[in-house]
Amino acid sequence: MTKVLTTHVGSLPRTQEVVDFIFARENQTPYDTDKFDTAMTNAVSETVRKQVEAGVDIVSDGETSKISYATYVKDRYTGFDGDSPRNPPADLKLFPKFLERLANDGGTPKYARPMCVGEVKSKGQGELEKDISNLKTAMTTHGMQRGFMNAASPGVISLFLQNDYYKTRDAYLAALADAMKAEYETIIASGLDLQLDCPDLALSRHMLFADLSDEDFIKIAASHVEALNHALSDIPAEKVRIHICWGNYEGPHVCDIPMSKMFDTLMSTKARYVLFETSNPRHGHEWAVFRDRKSDIPDDKVLVPGVVDTTTNFVEHPQLVAERIARFVDIVGAERVIAGSDCGFGTFAGFGAVDPDIAYAKLSALSEGASLVT
């Protein structure tokens, strides 16, 4: 029988020690760089251990050393300074009292989002190589064979670190693709799989492009995929994972563009593995899009539906997880389904809606549910 494997989107809760070091670097306050590196190494090892204990088959470093999944690039590439304008999701604007409550309760993370004000160039792969070494060492220590490392897509960088240098948006995307290409290839050369985080393909519809029609936004998304696929031109698709989402926050989500409209965009990415939300109550029904368009799913695609939520502290029952997985197994077969999470559990350092211990309880439920399908 084919075993349904398990994974997750990438980020996991960080310890307070790690968070303190990250924000010391973020705020440019003095800190011991050797102790920083030691803290990251130890934290990644513990993070991998906890994933193994929870039954996760394909592990990550939890994005331990990064301030966030997108804005970390400001520390590794030139051309970023100042601050970018904030664009609250359109659904939260429709409910201003709820948005105010989030802000007052500390429900919106605060971190630097500089503008692109100069040429984007790599500062070298030194920080990335430390991340890779930490993950591979931890995998060896804890007996894991498969691992992946996250990297920001050109599109999501352009969403959070907005352009004030290049003449056009397309020129900015092209520059980002050229700059990020070496990062992607370094991850692949290490033997790890590469995961590209692409919430720009859905979330940005109601953040940066709320004034466009869905049809015009789909054209924008296509340009993001074109830039991304260019950056992946020398990488085999079977080593690449793509994650699409509508924003990792508890909210109304009434402005989300439906999966039915983004399906073709998602399938056009140069990635074997496609990760997407199905636990989000606004998108739980959209498994039917994949059923109804089964013939349009390329034979080399592996579906990685999110079968546990990452915005609430409910721990899903393994039977419910199994039911969610089984829907996709019925569509493409168990060998082309991996059970995942909707989003990350530690999208921003020091900020997460889910208690750290509960995050790993959810991953255990994920694994138990997958074993029921098997």
Protein backbone atom coordinates (compact mmCIF):
# COMPACT_ATOMS: atom_id res chain seq x y z
CA MET A 1 0.00 0.00 0.00
CA THR A 2 1.12 3.56 -0.71
CA LYS A 3 1.83 5.60 2.42
CA VAL A 4 0.50 9.13 2.42
CA LEU A 5 3.48 11.26 3.44
CA THR A 6 3.25 14.33 5.67
CA THR A 7 4.88 17.74 5.63
CA HIS A 8 3.94 21.35 6.42
CA VAL A 9 4.43 24.80 4.92
CA GLY A 10 7.72 25.57 6.63
CA SER A 11 7.73 28.04 9.48
CA LEU A 12 7.41 26.80 13.07
CA PRO A 13 7.35 28.53 16.47
CA ARG A 14 10.68 29.99 17.60
CA THR A 15 12.02 30.00 21.16
CA GLN A 16 12.24 33.27 23.06
CA GLU A 17 16.04 33.09 22.87
CA VAL A 18 15.87 32.90 19.08
CA VAL A 19 13.31 35.71 18.89
CA ASP A 20 15.46 37.95 21.10
CA PHE A 21 18.49 37.40 18.88
CA ILE A 22 16.50 38.02 15.68
CA PHE A 23 15.10 41.30 16.98
CA ALA A 24 18.51 42.40 18.25
CA ARG A 25 19.71 42.03 14.67
CA GLU A 26 16.51 43.62 13.34
CA ASN A 27 16.85 46.65 15.63
CA GLN A 28 20.63 46.87 15.09
CA THR A 29 21.40 46.52 18.78
CA PRO A 30 24.66 44.82 19.82
CA TYR A 31 24.65 41.03 20.13
CA ASP A 32 27.21 38.22 20.15
CA THR A 33 27.30 36.75 16.64
CA ASP A 34 28.85 33.48 17.80
CA LYS A 35 26.10 33.02 20.38
CA PHE A 36 23.55 33.92 17.70
CA ASP A 37 24.86 31.14 15.45
CA THR A 38 24.94 28.64 18.31
CA ALA A 39 21.37 29.49 19.29
CA MET A 40 20.16 28.95 15.70
CA THR A 41 21.99 25.61 15.39
CA ASN A 42 20.55 24.31 18.64
CA ALA A 43 17.05 25.59 17.88
CA VAL A 44 16.95 24.00 14.43
CA SER A 45 18.02 20.66 15.89
CA GLU A 46 15.24 20.83 18.47
CA THR A 47 12.72 21.93 15.83
CA VAL A 48 13.59 18.94 13.64
CA ARG A 49 13.41 16.63 16.67
CA LYS A 50 9.90 17.84 17.44
CA GLN A 51 8.82 17.33 13.82
CA VAL A 52 10.15 13.77 13.90
CA GLU A 53 8.36 13.14 17.20
CA ALA A 54 5.13 14.43 15.63
CA GLY A 55 5.52 12.02 12.71
CA VAL A 56 6.37 14.52 9.96
CA ASP A 57 8.04 12.83 6.98
CA ILE A 58 9.45 15.86 5.14
CA VAL A 59 10.88 18.42 7.55
CA SER A 60 12.18 21.99 7.48
CA ASP A 61 14.34 24.20 9.67
CA GLY A 62 11.20 26.05 10.79
CA GLU A 63 12.60 29.22 9.16
CA THR A 64 14.27 29.63 12.54
CA SER A 65 16.78 32.38 11.65
CA LYS A 66 14.40 34.54 9.60
CA ILE A 67 12.40 37.53 10.79
CA SER A 68 9.68 36.52 8.33
CA TYR A 69 9.26 34.39 5.22
CA ALA A 70 9.46 37.37 2.84
CA THR A 71 11.22 40.33 4.45
CA TYR A 72 14.34 38.35 5.41
CA VAL A 73 15.67 39.27 1.94
CA LYS A 74 16.39 42.81 3.14
CA ASP A 75 19.20 41.32 5.25
CA ARG A 76 20.71 39.27 2.40
CA TYR A 77 20.34 41.60 -0.61
CA THR A 78 21.23 45.20 -1.34
CA GLY A 79 18.76 47.82 -2.51
CA PHE A 80 16.35 47.99 0.44
CA ASP A 81 15.89 50.89 2.85
CA GLY A 82 13.25 53.03 4.51
CA ASP A 83 9.73 51.65 4.88
CA SER A 84 6.95 50.40 2.62
CA PRO A 85 3.30 51.46 2.98
CA ARG A 86 1.06 49.01 4.81
CA ASN A 87 -1.90 47.63 2.88
CA PRO A 88 -4.37 45.89 5.20
CA PRO A 89 -6.32 43.10 3.49
CA ALA A 90 -9.58 44.33 2.01
CA ASP A 91 -11.67 41.98 4.14
CA LEU A 92 -10.35 43.56 7.34
CA LYS A 93 -11.15 47.03 5.99
CA LEU A 94 -14.77 45.89 5.66
CA PHE A 95 -14.82 45.21 9.40
CA PRO A 96 -12.94 48.19 10.88
CA LYS A 97 -13.81 47.36 14.50
CA PHE A 98 -12.27 43.93 14.11
CA LEU A 99 -9.20 45.44 12.44
CA GLU A 100 -8.89 47.91 15.32
CA ARG A 101 -9.20 45.07 17.82
CA LEU A 102 -6.42 43.14 16.09
CA ALA A 103 -4.17 46.18 16.21
CA ASN A 104 -4.93 46.95 19.85
CA ASP A 105 -4.45 43.33 20.92
CA GLY A 106 -1.11 43.04 19.19
CA GLY A 107 -2.67 40.86 16.52
CA THR A 108 -0.68 42.43 13.71
CA PRO A 109 3.10 41.82 13.72
CA LYS A 110 5.43 44.82 13.61
CA TYR A 111 8.68 44.54 11.67
CA ALA A 112 10.56 46.51 9.02
CA ARG A 113 9.31 46.43 5.45
CA PRO A 114 11.78 48.63 3.58
CA MET A 115 11.22 49.87 0.04
CA CYS A 116 13.37 48.86 -2.87
CA VAL A 117 15.41 52.05 -3.39
CA GLY A 118 18.41 50.70 -5.29
CA GLU A 119 19.69 47.84 -7.39
CA VAL A 120 18.88 44.45 -5.89
CA LYS A 121 22.04 42.33 -5.58
CA SER A 122 23.00 39.40 -3.40
CA LYS A 123 25.34 39.99 -0.45
CA GLY A 124 26.43 36.37 -0.82
CA GLN A 125 24.97 33.06 0.30
CA GLY A 126 26.69 32.95 3.71
CA GLU A 127 23.54 33.23 5.83
CA LEU A 128 21.73 30.73 3.63
CA GLU A 129 24.62 28.28 3.87
CA LYS A 130 24.42 28.46 7.67
CA ASP A 131 20.69 27.66 7.48
CA ILE A 132 21.37 24.74 5.15
CA SER A 133 24.13 23.38 7.38
CA ASN A 134 21.91 23.63 10.47
CA LEU A 135 19.06 21.77 8.80
CA LYS A 136 21.19 19.02 7.27
CA THR A 137 23.04 18.47 10.54
CA ALA A 138 19.75 18.23 12.41
CA MET A 139 18.35 15.81 9.83
CA THR A 140 21.39 13.57 10.25
CA THR A 141 21.16 13.74 14.03
CA HIS A 142 17.50 12.77 14.05
CA GLY A 143 17.57 10.26 11.20
CA MET A 144 15.59 12.18 8.58
CA GLN A 145 16.08 11.67 4.85
CA ARG A 146 13.91 14.36 3.27
CA GLY A 147 13.99 18.05 4.02
CA PHE A 148 13.06 21.33 2.38
CA MET A 149 14.06 24.94 2.74
CA ASN A 150 11.83 27.95 2.16
CA ALA A 151 12.69 30.91 -0.03
CA ALA A 152 10.71 34.00 -0.96
CA SER A 153 9.34 34.24 -4.48
CA PRO A 154 9.93 37.38 -6.56
CA GLY A 155 6.21 38.11 -6.37
CA VAL A 156 5.92 38.00 -2.60
CA ILE A 157 9.01 40.19 -2.20
CA SER A 158 7.38 42.73 -4.50
CA LEU A 159 4.22 42.55 -2.37
CA PHE A 160 5.86 43.37 0.97
CA LEU A 161 8.99 45.29 -0.14
CA GLN A 162 7.52 47.62 -2.69
CA ASN A 163 9.32 49.19 -5.63
CA ASP A 164 10.64 52.74 -5.59
CA TYR A 165 13.63 52.23 -7.89
CA TYR A 166 12.88 50.22 -11.03
CA LYS A 167 10.94 51.93 -13.79
CA THR A 168 8.18 49.33 -13.94
CA ARG A 169 6.77 46.56 -11.81
CA ASP A 170 7.85 44.01 -14.43
CA ALA A 171 11.40 45.36 -14.32
CA TYR A 172 11.40 44.98 -10.54
CA LEU A 173 10.13 41.39 -10.80
CA ALA A 174 12.81 40.59 -13.38
CA ALA A 175 15.54 42.02 -11.14
CA LEU A 176 14.25 40.02 -8.17
CA ALA A 177 14.13 36.84 -10.24
CA ASP A 178 17.72 37.34 -11.36
CA ALA A 179 18.88 38.06 -7.82
CA MET A 180 17.02 35.16 -6.18
CA LYS A 181 18.08 32.59 -8.78
CA ALA A 182 21.37 31.83 -7.01
CA GLU A 183 19.58 31.37 -3.66
CA TYR A 184 17.22 28.83 -5.19
CA GLU A 185 20.06 26.98 -6.90
CA THR A 186 22.14 26.91 -3.71
CA ILE A 187 19.30 25.19 -1.85
CA ILE A 188 18.90 22.60 -4.61
CA ALA A 189 22.66 21.98 -4.79
CA SER A 190 22.62 21.11 -1.08
CA GLY A 191 20.28 18.18 -1.73
CA LEU A 192 17.28 19.81 -0.07
CA ASP A 193 14.00 20.51 -1.83
CA LEU A 194 13.17 24.16 -2.50
CA GLN A 195 9.88 25.67 -1.38
CA LEU A 196 8.78 28.95 -2.90
CA ASP A 197 6.29 30.89 -0.81
CA CYS A 198 3.82 32.58 -3.16
CA PRO A 199 0.92 34.20 -1.26
CA ASP A 200 1.20 36.93 -3.87
CA LEU A 201 -0.73 34.60 -6.19
CA ALA A 202 -3.83 34.91 -3.99
CA LEU A 203 -3.36 37.19 -0.95
CA SER A 204 -2.15 40.16 -2.99
CA ARG A 205 -5.49 40.20 -4.86
CA HIS A 206 -7.11 41.89 -1.86
CA MET A 207 -4.04 43.70 -0.53
CA LEU A 208 -2.14 45.38 -3.33
CA PHE A 209 -4.53 44.91 -6.26
CA ALA A 210 -7.94 45.36 -4.68
CA ASP A 211 -8.85 47.98 -7.30
CA LEU A 212 -8.41 45.55 -10.23
CA SER A 213 -10.89 43.10 -11.66
CA ASP A 214 -10.23 39.41 -11.06
CA GLU A 215 -9.31 39.05 -14.72
CA ASP A 216 -6.74 41.84 -14.55
CA PHE A 217 -5.32 40.41 -11.34
CA ILE A 218 -4.90 37.01 -12.98
CA LYS A 219 -2.73 38.74 -15.60
CA ILE A 220 -0.62 40.23 -12.80
CA ALA A 221 -0.32 36.80 -11.18
CA ALA A 222 0.77 35.33 -14.51
CA SER A 223 3.59 37.87 -14.69
CA HIS A 224 4.67 36.78 -11.20
CA VAL A 225 4.74 33.14 -12.32
CA GLU A 226 6.72 34.10 -15.42
CA ALA A 227 9.38 35.79 -13.26
CA LEU A 228 9.45 32.84 -10.87
CA ASN A 229 9.72 30.26 -13.62
CA HIS A 230 12.63 32.23 -15.10
CA ALA A 231 14.44 32.04 -11.76
CA LEU A 232 13.79 28.28 -11.74
CA SER A 233 14.96 27.75 -15.31
CA ASP A 234 18.00 25.67 -14.30
CA ILE A 235 16.26 23.71 -11.52
CA PRO A 236 14.38 20.43 -12.03
CA ALA A 237 10.68 20.82 -11.28
CA GLU A 238 10.65 17.62 -9.20
CA LYS A 239 12.76 19.40 -6.55
CA VAL A 240 10.41 22.39 -6.22
CA ARG A 241 7.40 23.07 -4.00
CA ILE A 242 5.05 26.07 -4.44
CA HIS A 243 2.80 27.38 -1.67
CA ILE A 244 -0.21 29.60 -2.40
CA CYS A 245 -2.48 31.11 0.26
CA TRP A 246 -4.93 33.88 1.05
CA GLY A 247 -3.16 35.18 4.14
CA ASN A 248 -2.27 33.38 7.36
CA TYR A 249 -4.61 35.27 9.68
CA GLU A 250 -7.95 34.73 11.36
CA GLY A 251 -10.39 37.04 9.62
CA PRO A 252 -13.50 37.17 7.45
CA HIS A 253 -11.65 36.33 4.19
CA VAL A 254 -14.74 37.43 2.29
CA CYS A 255 -12.61 39.16 -0.37
CA ASP A 256 -10.49 36.11 -1.26
CA ILE A 257 -10.28 35.27 -4.94
CA PRO A 258 -11.57 31.71 -5.38
CA MET A 259 -9.31 28.77 -6.20
CA SER A 260 -11.37 28.18 -9.33
CA LYS A 261 -9.93 31.40 -10.76
CA MET A 262 -6.35 30.71 -9.62
CA PHE A 263 -6.23 27.03 -10.57
CA ASP A 264 -4.59 27.56 -13.96
CA THR A 265 -2.05 29.97 -12.48
CA LEU A 266 -1.10 27.46 -9.79
CA MET A 267 -0.74 24.63 -12.30
CA SER A 268 1.48 26.76 -14.56
CA THR A 269 4.26 27.04 -11.95
CA LYS A 270 7.44 25.04 -12.51
CA ALA A 271 6.97 22.92 -9.42
CA ARG A 272 6.06 19.31 -8.88
CA TYR A 273 4.50 19.95 -5.46
CA VAL A 274 1.65 22.45 -5.04
CA LEU A 275 0.64 23.45 -1.50
CA PHE A 276 -2.69 25.17 -0.86
CA GLU A 277 -5.29 25.79 1.85
CA THR A 278 -8.25 23.48 2.40
CA SER A 279 -8.80 23.84 6.17
CA ASN A 280 -9.57 27.57 5.94
CA PRO A 281 -13.41 27.69 6.24
CA ARG A 282 -13.62 30.01 3.22
CA HIS A 283 -11.80 27.45 1.07
CA GLY A 284 -12.63 24.05 2.55
CA HIS A 285 -15.17 23.39 -0.20
CA GLU A 286 -12.66 24.05 -2.98
CA TRP A 287 -11.33 20.49 -3.03
CA ALA A 288 -14.15 20.09 -5.56
CA VAL A 289 -12.26 22.37 -7.99
CA PHE A 290 -9.53 19.73 -8.18
CA ARG A 291 -12.13 16.98 -8.60
CA ASP A 292 -13.96 18.80 -11.37
CA ARG A 293 -10.74 19.73 -13.17
CA LYS A 294 -8.94 16.45 -12.63
CA SER A 295 -8.06 16.21 -16.33
CA ASP A 296 -6.32 19.61 -16.11
CA ILE A 297 -3.95 18.56 -13.33
CA PRO A 298 -0.63 17.71 -15.02
CA ASP A 299 0.45 14.13 -14.46
CA ASP A 300 3.67 15.24 -12.75
CA LYS A 301 1.94 17.37 -10.09
CA VAL A 302 1.72 16.23 -6.48
CA LEU A 303 -1.07 17.85 -4.45
CA VAL A 304 -0.23 18.98 -0.91
CA PRO A 305 -3.52 20.18 0.60
CA GLY A 306 -3.50 21.92 3.96
CA VAL A 307 -5.44 19.53 6.19
CA VAL A 308 -4.76 21.32 9.49
CA ASP A 309 -5.42 25.01 10.13
CA THR A 310 -2.72 27.41 11.32
CA THR A 311 -4.80 30.29 12.71
CA THR A 312 -6.72 28.65 15.58
CA ASN A 313 -5.88 26.49 18.57
CA PHE A 314 -8.37 23.75 17.75
CA VAL A 315 -6.51 20.47 17.28
CA GLU A 316 -8.19 18.70 14.40
CA HIS A 317 -9.40 15.15 15.01
CA PRO A 318 -7.30 12.66 13.03
CA GLN A 319 -10.47 11.28 11.44
CA LEU A 320 -11.32 14.71 10.04
CA VAL A 321 -7.75 15.02 8.77
CA ALA A 322 -8.12 11.62 7.10
CA GLU A 323 -11.37 12.68 5.42
CA ARG A 324 -9.70 15.80 4.02
CA ILE A 325 -6.75 13.80 2.70
CA ALA A 326 -8.97 11.08 1.23
CA ARG A 327 -10.78 13.57 -1.00
CA PHE A 328 -7.54 14.26 -2.85
CA VAL A 329 -6.42 10.63 -2.83
CA ASP A 330 -9.67 9.83 -4.63
CA ILE A 331 -8.77 12.39 -7.30
CA VAL A 332 -5.11 11.65 -8.10
CA GLY A 333 -4.14 8.61 -6.01
CA ALA A 334 -2.18 8.26 -2.76
CA GLU A 335 1.20 8.42 -4.49
CA ARG A 336 0.39 11.97 -5.67
CA VAL A 337 -0.88 13.37 -2.36
CA ILE A 338 1.15 14.64 0.60
CA ALA A 339 -0.69 15.89 3.68
CA GLY A 340 0.29 19.42 4.70
CA SER A 341 -0.77 22.47 6.71
CA ASP A 342 -2.65 25.52 5.46
CA CYS A 343 0.24 27.89 6.19
CA GLY A 344 3.17 28.22 8.58
CA PHE A 345 2.90 28.18 12.36
CA GLY A 346 5.58 30.85 12.82
CA THR A 347 5.17 33.14 9.82
CA PHE A 348 6.71 36.04 11.74
CA ALA A 349 9.33 35.69 14.48
CA GLY A 350 7.75 36.09 17.89
CA PHE A 351 4.23 36.18 16.49
CA GLY A 352 1.80 33.33 16.03
CA ALA A 353 -1.86 32.69 16.74
CA VAL A 354 -1.24 29.06 17.66
CA ASP A 355 0.45 28.10 20.93
CA PRO A 356 3.79 26.39 20.18
CA ASP A 357 2.87 23.16 21.94
CA ILE A 358 -0.48 23.09 20.16
CA ALA A 359 1.27 23.60 16.81
CA TYR A 360 3.10 20.32 17.29
CA ALA A 361 -0.11 18.66 18.53
CA LYS A 362 -1.66 19.67 15.24
CA LEU A 363 1.26 18.13 13.35
CA SER A 364 0.75 14.93 15.33
CA ALA A 365 -2.93 14.94 14.36
CA LEU A 366 -1.82 15.47 10.77
CA SER A 367 0.37 12.38 10.90
CA GLU A 368 -2.26 10.28 12.67
CA GLY A 369 -4.83 11.26 10.06
CA ALA A 370 -2.48 10.36 7.23
CA SER A 371 -1.89 6.94 8.78
CA LEU A 372 -5.65 6.33 8.79
CA VAL A 373 -5.78 6.96 5.05
CA THR A 374 -2.88 4.59 4.53
